[in-house]
Amino acid sequence: MSRSEDLQPIVRAGPVIPVVTIDNVADAVPLARALVAGGLKVIEITLRTRAAIDVIEAIAGEVEGAIVGAGTVLSKGQLVSAARAGAQFLVSPGVNADLLKAAADAPVPFLPGAATASEAMRLMDAGYTILKFFPAEPAGGIPYLKALASPLPAVSFCPTGGIDATNAAAYLALSNVVCVGGSWATPKDAVAGGDWPRIEGLAREASLLGARR
């Protein structure tokens, strides 16, 4: 059984996974509700702020319909804390042996990151068939992913890094891309100003990308 099997319904729930960095826990619930109302129910909260674990807990406990996950997971400690807070999936920009071991015992699915064919092959050996491709644009973008499709037909990718409203559809058109990750649906100024209707509108636009595939 693939370690990515339980990840399938999550990455296929919508074309875009918003990658969100939140400094203020008070913003967590209204922001997540705006994203869900706009059609993006899978939300990745990056563990880049002190508030991140509390943000995950708040969204998991209060936002109906949200599938909240933890991103930028770099260690076993972060993985365990995020899962305990209610994260329903875990994402890393890359992996090491300790993180892979911890992920194997995690109660929720893991989306590991890769940037090269060799890294993807090592993760395939570990049982992963859905990978985060990061950083997508600097690592070669669409041409690189096209080149990987033939030699690695069993692998699907969620590209993240440098993806926005201008290029997301082109990524989603690739046969080996299952969804994309990006932060354009949650602009910093909109979050800081509590402009939840704007975020809902951006989420709705992003959710429609799936209809164009």
C-alpha atoms as a PDB file:
ATOM      1  CA  MET A   1       0.000   0.000   0.000  1.00  0.00           C
ATOM      2  CA  SER A   2       1.265   3.467  -0.912  1.00  0.00           C
ATOM      3  CA  ARG A   3       1.910   5.796   1.995  1.00  0.00           C
ATOM      4  CA  SER A   4       0.181   8.445  -0.129  1.00  0.00           C
ATOM      5  CA  GLU A   5      -3.128   6.589  -0.412  1.00  0.00           C
ATOM      6  CA  ASP A   6      -4.798   8.490   2.431  1.00  0.00           C
ATOM      7  CA  LEU A   7      -3.556  11.752   0.913  1.00  0.00           C
ATOM      8  CA  GLN A   8      -5.490  11.218  -2.336  1.00  0.00           C
ATOM      9  CA  PRO A   9      -8.857  12.666  -1.221  1.00  0.00           C
ATOM     10  CA  ILE A  10      -7.101  15.682   0.292  1.00  0.00           C
ATOM     11  CA  VAL A  11      -5.025  16.705  -2.721  1.00  0.00           C
ATOM     12  CA  ARG A  12      -7.966  16.014  -5.034  1.00  0.00           C
ATOM     13  CA  ALA A  13     -10.438  18.076  -2.999  1.00  0.00           C
ATOM     14  CA  GLY A  14      -9.627  21.202  -5.018  1.00  0.00           C
ATOM     15  CA  PRO A  15      -7.143  22.545  -7.555  1.00  0.00           C
ATOM     16  CA  VAL A  16      -5.377  24.877  -5.132  1.00  0.00           C
ATOM     17  CA  ILE A  17      -4.137  24.443  -1.580  1.00  0.00           C
ATOM     18  CA  PRO A  18      -3.729  27.883  -0.001  1.00  0.00           C
ATOM     19  CA  VAL A  19      -0.403  28.117   1.821  1.00  0.00           C
ATOM     20  CA  VAL A  20      -1.085  30.446   4.723  1.00  0.00           C
ATOM     21  CA  THR A  21       1.196  32.130   7.247  1.00  0.00           C
ATOM     22  CA  ILE A  22      -0.746  33.615  10.185  1.00  0.00           C
ATOM     23  CA  ASP A  23       0.741  35.725  12.961  1.00  0.00           C
ATOM     24  CA  ASN A  24      -2.471  36.429  14.855  1.00  0.00           C
ATOM     25  CA  VAL A  25      -4.636  33.560  16.114  1.00  0.00           C
ATOM     26  CA  ALA A  26      -7.688  35.831  15.967  1.00  0.00           C
ATOM     27  CA  ASP A  27      -7.410  35.844  12.183  1.00  0.00           C
ATOM     28  CA  ALA A  28      -7.423  32.053  11.864  1.00  0.00           C
ATOM     29  CA  VAL A  29     -11.127  31.246  11.973  1.00  0.00           C
ATOM     30  CA  PRO A  30     -12.494  34.099   9.805  1.00  0.00           C
ATOM     31  CA  LEU A  31      -9.744  33.561   7.239  1.00  0.00           C
ATOM     32  CA  ALA A  32     -10.389  29.830   7.044  1.00  0.00           C
ATOM     33  CA  ARG A  33     -14.135  30.388   6.791  1.00  0.00           C
ATOM     34  CA  ALA A  34     -13.568  32.781   3.891  1.00  0.00           C
ATOM     35  CA  LEU A  35     -11.425  30.230   2.070  1.00  0.00           C
ATOM     36  CA  VAL A  36     -13.943  27.437   2.600  1.00  0.00           C
ATOM     37  CA  ALA A  37     -16.823  29.690   1.491  1.00  0.00           C
ATOM     38  CA  GLY A  38     -14.841  30.451  -1.661  1.00  0.00           C
ATOM     39  CA  GLY A  39     -14.408  26.768  -2.431  1.00  0.00           C
ATOM     40  CA  LEU A  40     -10.933  26.068  -1.047  1.00  0.00           C
ATOM     41  CA  LYS A  41     -11.459  23.766   1.901  1.00  0.00           C
ATOM     42  CA  VAL A  42      -7.937  22.308   2.099  1.00  0.00           C
ATOM     43  CA  ILE A  43      -5.710  24.808   3.920  1.00  0.00           C
ATOM     44  CA  GLU A  44      -2.013  24.503   4.722  1.00  0.00           C
ATOM     45  CA  ILE A  45      -0.874  26.529   7.744  1.00  0.00           C
ATOM     46  CA  THR A  46       2.877  27.033   7.718  1.00  0.00           C
ATOM     47  CA  LEU A  47       4.756  26.470  10.953  1.00  0.00           C
ATOM     48  CA  ARG A  48       6.688  29.705  10.500  1.00  0.00           C
ATOM     49  CA  THR A  49       5.086  31.674  13.306  1.00  0.00           C
ATOM     50  CA  ARG A  50       4.687  31.157  17.022  1.00  0.00           C
ATOM     51  CA  ALA A  51       0.927  31.196  16.549  1.00  0.00           C
ATOM     52  CA  ALA A  52       0.844  28.393  13.967  1.00  0.00           C
ATOM     53  CA  ILE A  53      -0.037  25.472  16.256  1.00  0.00           C
ATOM     54  CA  ASP A  54      -2.798  27.478  17.955  1.00  0.00           C
ATOM     55  CA  VAL A  55      -4.044  28.529  14.514  1.00  0.00           C
ATOM     56  CA  ILE A  56      -4.315  24.891  13.414  1.00  0.00           C
ATOM     57  CA  GLU A  57      -6.148  23.991  16.610  1.00  0.00           C
ATOM     58  CA  ALA A  58      -8.610  26.867  16.166  1.00  0.00           C
ATOM     59  CA  ILE A  59      -9.406  26.020  12.553  1.00  0.00           C
ATOM     60  CA  ALA A  60      -9.682  22.294  13.269  1.00  0.00           C
ATOM     61  CA  GLY A  61     -12.087  22.941  16.124  1.00  0.00           C
ATOM     62  CA  GLU A  62     -14.221  25.759  14.748  1.00  0.00           C
ATOM     63  CA  VAL A  63     -14.352  25.812  10.934  1.00  0.00           C
ATOM     64  CA  GLU A  64     -16.834  23.363   9.489  1.00  0.00           C
ATOM     65  CA  GLY A  65     -15.740  21.911   6.180  1.00  0.00           C
ATOM     66  CA  ALA A  66     -12.088  22.899   6.516  1.00  0.00           C
ATOM     67  CA  ILE A  67      -9.332  20.334   6.022  1.00  0.00           C
ATOM     68  CA  VAL A  68      -6.440  21.967   7.816  1.00  0.00           C
ATOM     69  CA  GLY A  69      -2.856  20.817   7.528  1.00  0.00           C
ATOM     70  CA  ALA A  70       0.565  21.881   8.727  1.00  0.00           C
ATOM     71  CA  GLY A  71       3.261  23.008   6.339  1.00  0.00           C
ATOM     72  CA  THR A  72       6.980  23.643   6.652  1.00  0.00           C
ATOM     73  CA  VAL A  73       7.228  20.614   8.942  1.00  0.00           C
ATOM     74  CA  LEU A  74      10.961  20.203   9.534  1.00  0.00           C
ATOM     75  CA  SER A  75      11.242  17.917  12.555  1.00  0.00           C
ATOM     76  CA  LYS A  76       9.600  15.102  14.487  1.00  0.00           C
ATOM     77  CA  GLY A  77       8.672  17.566  17.228  1.00  0.00           C
ATOM     78  CA  GLN A  78       6.807  19.813  14.820  1.00  0.00           C
ATOM     79  CA  LEU A  79       5.099  16.822  13.226  1.00  0.00           C
ATOM     80  CA  VAL A  80       3.859  15.517  16.554  1.00  0.00           C
ATOM     81  CA  SER A  81       2.709  18.947  17.766  1.00  0.00           C
ATOM     82  CA  ALA A  82       0.809  19.663  14.550  1.00  0.00           C
ATOM     83  CA  ALA A  83      -0.952  16.297  14.580  1.00  0.00           C
ATOM     84  CA  ARG A  84      -1.946  16.769  18.213  1.00  0.00           C
ATOM     85  CA  ALA A  85      -3.357  20.206  17.377  1.00  0.00           C
ATOM     86  CA  GLY A  86      -5.673  18.674  14.814  1.00  0.00           C
ATOM     87  CA  ALA A  87      -3.732  18.877  11.557  1.00  0.00           C
ATOM     88  CA  GLN A  88      -5.282  16.468   9.050  1.00  0.00           C
ATOM     89  CA  PHE A  89      -2.213  16.324   6.828  1.00  0.00           C
ATOM     90  CA  LEU A  90       1.451  17.282   7.082  1.00  0.00           C
ATOM     91  CA  VAL A  91       3.705  18.893   4.472  1.00  0.00           C
ATOM     92  CA  SER A  92       7.472  19.280   4.319  1.00  0.00           C
ATOM     93  CA  PRO A  93       9.686  21.167   1.848  1.00  0.00           C
ATOM     94  CA  GLY A  94      12.109  18.216   1.893  1.00  0.00           C
ATOM     95  CA  VAL A  95      12.920  15.235   4.057  1.00  0.00           C
ATOM     96  CA  ASN A  96      15.611  13.616   6.150  1.00  0.00           C
ATOM     97  CA  ALA A  97      15.766  10.175   7.734  1.00  0.00           C
ATOM     98  CA  ASP A  98      14.332  11.283  11.097  1.00  0.00           C
ATOM     99  CA  LEU A  99      11.390  13.070   9.509  1.00  0.00           C
ATOM    100  CA  LEU A 100      10.584  10.116   7.269  1.00  0.00           C
ATOM    101  CA  LYS A 101      10.647   7.788  10.263  1.00  0.00           C
ATOM    102  CA  ALA A 102       8.347  10.073  12.240  1.00  0.00           C
ATOM    103  CA  ALA A 103       5.976  10.443   9.294  1.00  0.00           C
ATOM    104  CA  ALA A 104       5.703   6.663   8.994  1.00  0.00           C
ATOM    105  CA  ASP A 105       4.223   6.586  12.501  1.00  0.00           C
ATOM    106  CA  ALA A 106       2.067   9.724  12.125  1.00  0.00           C
ATOM    107  CA  PRO A 107      -1.712   9.385  12.465  1.00  0.00           C
ATOM    108  CA  VAL A 108      -2.328  11.581   9.406  1.00  0.00           C
ATOM    109  CA  PRO A 109      -0.952  11.528   5.832  1.00  0.00           C
ATOM    110  CA  PHE A 110       2.331  13.156   4.877  1.00  0.00           C
ATOM    111  CA  LEU A 111       3.185  15.130   1.731  1.00  0.00           C
ATOM    112  CA  PRO A 112       6.988  15.141   1.459  1.00  0.00           C
ATOM    113  CA  GLY A 113       8.899  17.600  -0.686  1.00  0.00           C
ATOM    114  CA  ALA A 114      11.269  16.884  -3.545  1.00  0.00           C
ATOM    115  CA  ALA A 115      13.083  19.079  -6.055  1.00  0.00           C
ATOM    116  CA  THR A 116      14.998  16.536  -8.146  1.00  0.00           C
ATOM    117  CA  ALA A 117      14.440  13.182  -9.818  1.00  0.00           C
ATOM    118  CA  SER A 118      16.801  11.534  -7.318  1.00  0.00           C
ATOM    119  CA  GLU A 119      14.858  12.904  -4.352  1.00  0.00           C
ATOM    120  CA  ALA A 120      11.592  11.761  -5.931  1.00  0.00           C
ATOM    121  CA  MET A 121      12.997   8.275  -6.486  1.00  0.00           C
ATOM    122  CA  ARG A 122      14.134   7.989  -2.866  1.00  0.00           C
ATOM    123  CA  LEU A 123      10.667   8.957  -1.710  1.00  0.00           C
ATOM    124  CA  MET A 124       9.150   6.404  -4.084  1.00  0.00           C
ATOM    125  CA  ASP A 125      11.350   3.778  -2.434  1.00  0.00           C
ATOM    126  CA  ALA A 126       9.872   4.892   0.903  1.00  0.00           C
ATOM    127  CA  GLY A 127       6.356   4.390  -0.427  1.00  0.00           C
ATOM    128  CA  TYR A 128       5.347   7.916  -1.412  1.00  0.00           C
ATOM    129  CA  THR A 129       3.702   8.548  -4.773  1.00  0.00           C
ATOM    130  CA  ILE A 130       2.329  12.058  -4.194  1.00  0.00           C
ATOM    131  CA  LEU A 131       5.040  14.643  -3.606  1.00  0.00           C
ATOM    132  CA  LYS A 132       5.335  18.345  -3.079  1.00  0.00           C
ATOM    133  CA  PHE A 133       7.539  19.843  -5.822  1.00  0.00           C
ATOM    134  CA  PHE A 134       9.378  22.702  -4.133  1.00  0.00           C
ATOM    135  CA  PRO A 135      10.485  25.320  -4.936  1.00  0.00           C
ATOM    136  CA  ALA A 136       8.569  24.863  -8.168  1.00  0.00           C
ATOM    137  CA  GLU A 137       9.576  27.850 -10.254  1.00  0.00           C
ATOM    138  CA  PRO A 138      13.256  28.072  -9.174  1.00  0.00           C
ATOM    139  CA  ALA A 139      13.625  24.277  -9.509  1.00  0.00           C
ATOM    140  CA  GLY A 140      12.606  24.236 -13.168  1.00  0.00           C
ATOM    141  CA  GLY A 141       8.880  24.789 -13.184  1.00  0.00           C
ATOM    142  CA  ILE A 142       6.625  23.428 -15.888  1.00  0.00           C
ATOM    143  CA  PRO A 143       9.374  22.196 -18.248  1.00  0.00           C
ATOM    144  CA  TYR A 144      10.996  20.216 -15.433  1.00  0.00           C
ATOM    145  CA  LEU A 145       7.732  18.594 -14.372  1.00  0.00           C
ATOM    146  CA  LYS A 146       6.959  17.712 -17.989  1.00  0.00           C
ATOM    147  CA  ALA A 147      10.363  16.033 -18.212  1.00  0.00           C
ATOM    148  CA  LEU A 148       9.673  13.962 -15.071  1.00  0.00           C
ATOM    149  CA  ALA A 149       6.328  12.639 -16.301  1.00  0.00           C
ATOM    150  CA  SER A 150       7.753   9.985 -18.608  1.00  0.00           C
ATOM    151  CA  PRO A 151      10.485   8.431 -16.406  1.00  0.00           C
ATOM    152  CA  LEU A 152       8.405   8.720 -13.204  1.00  0.00           C
ATOM    153  CA  PRO A 153       4.829   7.941 -14.343  1.00  0.00           C
ATOM    154  CA  ALA A 154       3.730   6.691 -10.922  1.00  0.00           C
ATOM    155  CA  VAL A 155       4.416  10.017  -9.202  1.00  0.00           C
ATOM    156  CA  SER A 156       2.018  12.948  -8.910  1.00  0.00           C
ATOM    157  CA  PHE A 157       3.086  16.374  -7.717  1.00  0.00           C
ATOM    158  CA  CYS A 158       1.718  19.353  -5.833  1.00  0.00           C
ATOM    159  CA  PRO A 159       4.003  22.165  -7.057  1.00  0.00           C
ATOM    160  CA  THR A 160       4.524  25.040  -4.631  1.00  0.00           C
ATOM    161  CA  GLY A 161       6.821  28.040  -4.761  1.00  0.00           C
ATOM    162  CA  GLY A 162       6.423  30.869  -7.244  1.00  0.00           C
ATOM    163  CA  ILE A 163       2.934  29.793  -8.298  1.00  0.00           C
ATOM    164  CA  ASP A 164       0.182  32.392  -8.543  1.00  0.00           C
ATOM    165  CA  ALA A 165      -2.957  33.259 -10.480  1.00  0.00           C
ATOM    166  CA  THR A 166      -0.954  33.869 -13.660  1.00  0.00           C
ATOM    167  CA  ASN A 167       0.643  30.429 -13.964  1.00  0.00           C
ATOM    168  CA  ALA A 168      -1.434  28.054 -11.813  1.00  0.00           C
ATOM    169  CA  ALA A 169      -3.642  26.904 -14.685  1.00  0.00           C
ATOM    170  CA  ALA A 170      -0.599  25.959 -16.784  1.00  0.00           C
ATOM    171  CA  TYR A 171       0.713  23.793 -13.948  1.00  0.00           C
ATOM    172  CA  LEU A 172      -2.689  22.193 -13.426  1.00  0.00           C
ATOM    173  CA  ALA A 173      -2.800  21.239 -17.107  1.00  0.00           C
ATOM    174  CA  LEU A 174       0.165  18.880 -16.616  1.00  0.00           C
ATOM    175  CA  SER A 175      -0.671  15.175 -16.417  1.00  0.00           C
ATOM    176  CA  ASN A 176       1.470  14.646 -13.319  1.00  0.00           C
ATOM    177  CA  VAL A 177       0.153  17.608 -11.312  1.00  0.00           C
ATOM    178  CA  VAL A 178      -2.707  16.811  -8.947  1.00  0.00           C
ATOM    179  CA  CYS A 179      -3.023  20.285  -7.397  1.00  0.00           C
ATOM    180  CA  VAL A 180      -0.902  23.362  -6.722  1.00  0.00           C
ATOM    181  CA  GLY A 181      -0.013  25.282  -3.578  1.00  0.00           C
ATOM    182  CA  GLY A 182       0.248  29.031  -3.304  1.00  0.00           C
ATOM    183  CA  SER A 183      -0.428  32.065  -1.171  1.00  0.00           C
ATOM    184  CA  TRP A 184      -2.066  34.426  -3.662  1.00  0.00           C
ATOM    185  CA  ALA A 185      -5.587  33.832  -2.294  1.00  0.00           C
ATOM    186  CA  THR A 186      -4.532  35.234   1.094  1.00  0.00           C
ATOM    187  CA  PRO A 187      -2.613  38.470   0.411  1.00  0.00           C
ATOM    188  CA  LYS A 188      -0.873  39.896   3.470  1.00  0.00           C
ATOM    189  CA  ASP A 189      -2.700  43.214   3.236  1.00  0.00           C
ATOM    190  CA  ALA A 190      -6.087  41.490   3.060  1.00  0.00           C
ATOM    191  CA  VAL A 191      -5.299  39.368   6.116  1.00  0.00           C
ATOM    192  CA  ALA A 192      -3.931  42.352   8.052  1.00  0.00           C
ATOM    193  CA  GLY A 193      -7.021  44.384   7.198  1.00  0.00           C
ATOM    194  CA  GLY A 194      -9.489  41.591   7.887  1.00  0.00           C
ATOM    195  CA  ASP A 195     -10.798  41.817   4.324  1.00  0.00           C
ATOM    196  CA  TRP A 196     -12.449  38.396   4.364  1.00  0.00           C
ATOM    197  CA  PRO A 197     -14.805  39.120   1.415  1.00  0.00           C
ATOM    198  CA  ARG A 198     -11.764  39.820  -0.775  1.00  0.00           C
ATOM    199  CA  ILE A 199     -10.156  36.557   0.317  1.00  0.00           C
ATOM    200  CA  GLU A 200     -13.387  34.680  -0.349  1.00  0.00           C
ATOM    201  CA  GLY A 201     -13.470  36.147  -3.851  1.00  0.00           C
ATOM    202  CA  LEU A 202      -9.860  35.213  -4.556  1.00  0.00           C
ATOM    203  CA  ALA A 203     -10.540  31.709  -3.260  1.00  0.00           C
ATOM    204  CA  ARG A 204     -13.552  31.377  -5.535  1.00  0.00           C
ATOM    205  CA  GLU A 205     -11.464  32.389  -8.554  1.00  0.00           C
ATOM    206  CA  ALA A 206      -8.791  29.867  -7.588  1.00  0.00           C
ATOM    207  CA  SER A 207     -11.342  27.096  -7.056  1.00  0.00           C
ATOM    208  CA  LEU A 208     -12.601  27.557 -10.601  1.00  0.00           C
ATOM    209  CA  LEU A 209      -9.216  26.623 -12.006  1.00  0.00           C
ATOM    210  CA  GLY A 210     -10.228  23.019 -11.536  1.00  0.00           C
ATOM    211  CA  ALA A 211     -13.094  23.443 -13.998  1.00  0.00           C
ATOM    212  CA  ARG A 212     -10.657  24.510 -16.678  1.00  0.00           C
ATOM    213  CA  ARG A 213      -8.495  21.391 -16.491  1.00  0.00           C
END
